[in-house]
Structure formats: C-alpha cells, structure tokens
Amino acid sequence: MYEILIDNKDVGAHLVKIVEELNGSEIAYVLLENNLENRTLVNQDHDASISYFGEEVFKGTLTGGRFGRGTIRGIIRNSVFYKLSQKTFT
C-alpha cells in the first residue's frame, strides 16, 4: 500500500508511476482529486514523500500538475535534481 504525503499530510493521492532514468531525473506521477484545495496545492512547490508499507521509496518536490475533468495529475520531481536545475553555477 502506497502512502503519499505532501508537507507531511495525507492528501488522498494515488500513485500512477515512478520514472527513474539512468543518469537522469526521477519523477513520480500521482492523481489528486480536482478540487479547490488540490488546485491551490499544485500551484506552489511542496515537499512530498511516497512510502510503500511504511518504507520511504521516493522523496521529492511537488512541482505542478496537469488538470483533468475530475483529477489532477501531480508531478513530483526528485528534490536534488529539481533544485540544481533552477540554479546557475559559475
């Protein structure tokens, strides 16, 4: 059983899949109910974690979503890759 926490709160999300590319980024897709609270949630970055029977299997940042009729497909990116992609190092 997967448990998805956003800012340490269970928001009732369901895991679609986790994509891990070799030497690339890691992204998890989750489904959220399309309601006002969740639309507000995906408009800002939030810490997220995915656990499988209490064992954390993915940790990242909820960075947005794609809106559908009744659901929002949330995008959770690996925090390290996400933060590094926003910075310019000289």
C-alpha atoms as a PDB file:
ATOM      1  CA  MET A   1       0.000   0.000   0.000  1.00  0.00           C
ATOM      2  CA  TYR A   2       1.415   3.340  -1.069  1.00  0.00           C
ATOM      3  CA  GLU A   3       1.102   6.404   1.122  1.00  0.00           C
ATOM      4  CA  ILE A   4       1.695   9.814  -0.423  1.00  0.00           C
ATOM      5  CA  LEU A   5       2.379  12.719   1.912  1.00  0.00           C
ATOM      6  CA  ILE A   6       2.559  16.336   0.832  1.00  0.00           C
ATOM      7  CA  ASP A   7       4.044  18.597   3.507  1.00  0.00           C
ATOM      8  CA  ASN A   8       3.654  15.620   5.894  1.00  0.00           C
ATOM      9  CA  LYS A   9      -0.119  15.453   5.276  1.00  0.00           C
ATOM     10  CA  ASP A  10      -2.056  12.682   3.576  1.00  0.00           C
ATOM     11  CA  VAL A  11      -3.962  14.370   0.753  1.00  0.00           C
ATOM     12  CA  GLY A  12      -5.604  11.220  -0.606  1.00  0.00           C
ATOM     13  CA  ALA A  13      -3.369  10.990  -3.679  1.00  0.00           C
ATOM     14  CA  HIS A  14      -2.874   7.763  -5.641  1.00  0.00           C
ATOM     15  CA  LEU A  15       0.400   6.742  -7.242  1.00  0.00           C
ATOM     16  CA  VAL A  16       0.368   6.412 -11.043  1.00  0.00           C
ATOM     17  CA  LYS A  17       4.052   5.615 -11.581  1.00  0.00           C
ATOM     18  CA  ILE A  18       7.626   6.460 -10.689  1.00  0.00           C
ATOM     19  CA  VAL A  19      10.020   7.059 -13.589  1.00  0.00           C
ATOM     20  CA  GLU A  20      13.748   6.757 -12.906  1.00  0.00           C
ATOM     21  CA  GLU A  21      16.035   7.422 -15.872  1.00  0.00           C
ATOM     22  CA  LEU A  22      19.591   6.136 -15.866  1.00  0.00           C
ATOM     23  CA  ASN A  23      21.842   9.154 -15.178  1.00  0.00           C
ATOM     24  CA  GLY A  24      18.771  11.356 -15.410  1.00  0.00           C
ATOM     25  CA  SER A  25      15.909  12.763 -13.464  1.00  0.00           C
ATOM     26  CA  GLU A  26      13.452  10.917 -11.260  1.00  0.00           C
ATOM     27  CA  ILE A  27       9.774  11.807 -11.469  1.00  0.00           C
ATOM     28  CA  ALA A  28       6.692  10.412  -9.753  1.00  0.00           C
ATOM     29  CA  TYR A  29       3.165  10.947 -11.057  1.00  0.00           C
ATOM     30  CA  VAL A  30       0.235  10.964  -8.652  1.00  0.00           C
ATOM     31  CA  LEU A  31      -3.504  11.501  -9.038  1.00  0.00           C
ATOM     32  CA  LEU A  32      -5.290  14.029  -6.867  1.00  0.00           C
ATOM     33  CA  GLU A  33      -8.972  14.881  -6.776  1.00  0.00           C
ATOM     34  CA  ASN A  34      -9.652  18.029  -8.790  1.00  0.00           C
ATOM     35  CA  ASN A  35     -10.952  20.349  -6.090  1.00  0.00           C
ATOM     36  CA  LEU A  36     -10.099  23.879  -4.955  1.00  0.00           C
ATOM     37  CA  GLU A  37      -7.739  22.733  -2.194  1.00  0.00           C
ATOM     38  CA  ASN A  38      -5.697  20.499  -4.512  1.00  0.00           C
ATOM     39  CA  ARG A  39      -5.637  23.084  -7.329  1.00  0.00           C
ATOM     40  CA  THR A  40      -4.138  25.535  -4.836  1.00  0.00           C
ATOM     41  CA  LEU A  41      -1.705  22.856  -3.639  1.00  0.00           C
ATOM     42  CA  VAL A  42      -0.189  22.171  -7.072  1.00  0.00           C
ATOM     43  CA  ASN A  43       0.279  25.876  -7.833  1.00  0.00           C
ATOM     44  CA  GLN A  44       3.223  26.091  -5.415  1.00  0.00           C
ATOM     45  CA  ASP A  45       6.154  23.797  -4.666  1.00  0.00           C
ATOM     46  CA  HIS A  46       5.678  21.462  -1.687  1.00  0.00           C
ATOM     47  CA  ASP A  47       7.761  18.689  -0.128  1.00  0.00           C
ATOM     48  CA  ALA A  48       6.424  15.237  -0.909  1.00  0.00           C
ATOM     49  CA  SER A  49       7.255  11.657   0.011  1.00  0.00           C
ATOM     50  CA  ILE A  50       5.980   8.286  -1.152  1.00  0.00           C
ATOM     51  CA  SER A  51       6.135   5.278   1.158  1.00  0.00           C
ATOM     52  CA  TYR A  52       5.371   1.628   0.499  1.00  0.00           C
ATOM     53  CA  PHE A  53       4.158  -0.154   3.644  1.00  0.00           C
ATOM     54  CA  GLY A  54       5.950   2.440   5.785  1.00  0.00           C
ATOM     55  CA  GLU A  55       9.253   2.317   3.850  1.00  0.00           C
ATOM     56  CA  GLU A  56      10.060   5.551   2.004  1.00  0.00           C
ATOM     57  CA  VAL A  57      10.651   4.812  -1.693  1.00  0.00           C
ATOM     58  CA  PHE A  58      10.624   8.329  -3.176  1.00  0.00           C
ATOM     59  CA  LYS A  59      11.199  11.822  -1.840  1.00  0.00           C
ATOM     60  CA  GLY A  60      10.801  14.969  -3.856  1.00  0.00           C
ATOM     61  CA  THR A  61       9.040  18.234  -4.543  1.00  0.00           C
ATOM     62  CA  LEU A  62       5.505  18.563  -5.881  1.00  0.00           C
ATOM     63  CA  THR A  63       6.164  20.967  -8.763  1.00  0.00           C
ATOM     64  CA  GLY A  64       2.841  21.233 -10.542  1.00  0.00           C
ATOM     65  CA  GLY A  65       0.180  19.225 -12.240  1.00  0.00           C
ATOM     66  CA  ARG A  66      -1.944  18.626 -15.295  1.00  0.00           C
ATOM     67  CA  PHE A  67      -5.618  19.295 -14.806  1.00  0.00           C
ATOM     68  CA  GLY A  68      -8.293  16.895 -15.996  1.00  0.00           C
ATOM     69  CA  ARG A  69     -12.041  16.696 -15.520  1.00  0.00           C
ATOM     70  CA  GLY A  70     -12.126  15.027 -12.143  1.00  0.00           C
ATOM     71  CA  THR A  71      -8.447  14.620 -11.342  1.00  0.00           C
ATOM     72  CA  ILE A  72      -5.132  16.418 -11.279  1.00  0.00           C
ATOM     73  CA  ARG A  73      -2.037  14.501 -12.356  1.00  0.00           C
ATOM     74  CA  GLY A  74       0.545  15.830  -9.914  1.00  0.00           C
ATOM     75  CA  ILE A  75       4.244  15.832 -10.782  1.00  0.00           C
ATOM     76  CA  ILE A  76       6.747  15.114  -8.021  1.00  0.00           C
ATOM     77  CA  ARG A  77      10.389  15.634  -9.007  1.00  0.00           C
ATOM     78  CA  ASN A  78      13.474  14.443  -7.154  1.00  0.00           C
ATOM     79  CA  SER A  79      14.374  17.392  -4.894  1.00  0.00           C
ATOM     80  CA  VAL A  80      18.091  17.388  -5.706  1.00  0.00           C
ATOM     81  CA  PHE A  81      17.616  17.379  -9.496  1.00  0.00           C
ATOM     82  CA  TYR A  82      14.876  19.982  -9.210  1.00  0.00           C
ATOM     83  CA  LYS A  83      16.904  22.400  -7.082  1.00  0.00           C
ATOM     84  CA  LEU A  84      20.019  22.018  -9.191  1.00  0.00           C
ATOM     85  CA  SER A  85      18.071  22.700 -12.402  1.00  0.00           C
ATOM     86  CA  GLN A  86      16.970  26.077 -11.006  1.00  0.00           C
ATOM     87  CA  LYS A  87      20.474  27.267 -10.115  1.00  0.00           C
ATOM     88  CA  THR A  88      23.255  28.669 -12.260  1.00  0.00           C
ATOM     89  CA  PHE A  89      26.707  27.741 -11.036  1.00  0.00           C
ATOM     90  CA  THR A  90      29.757  29.707 -12.136  1.00  0.00           C
END
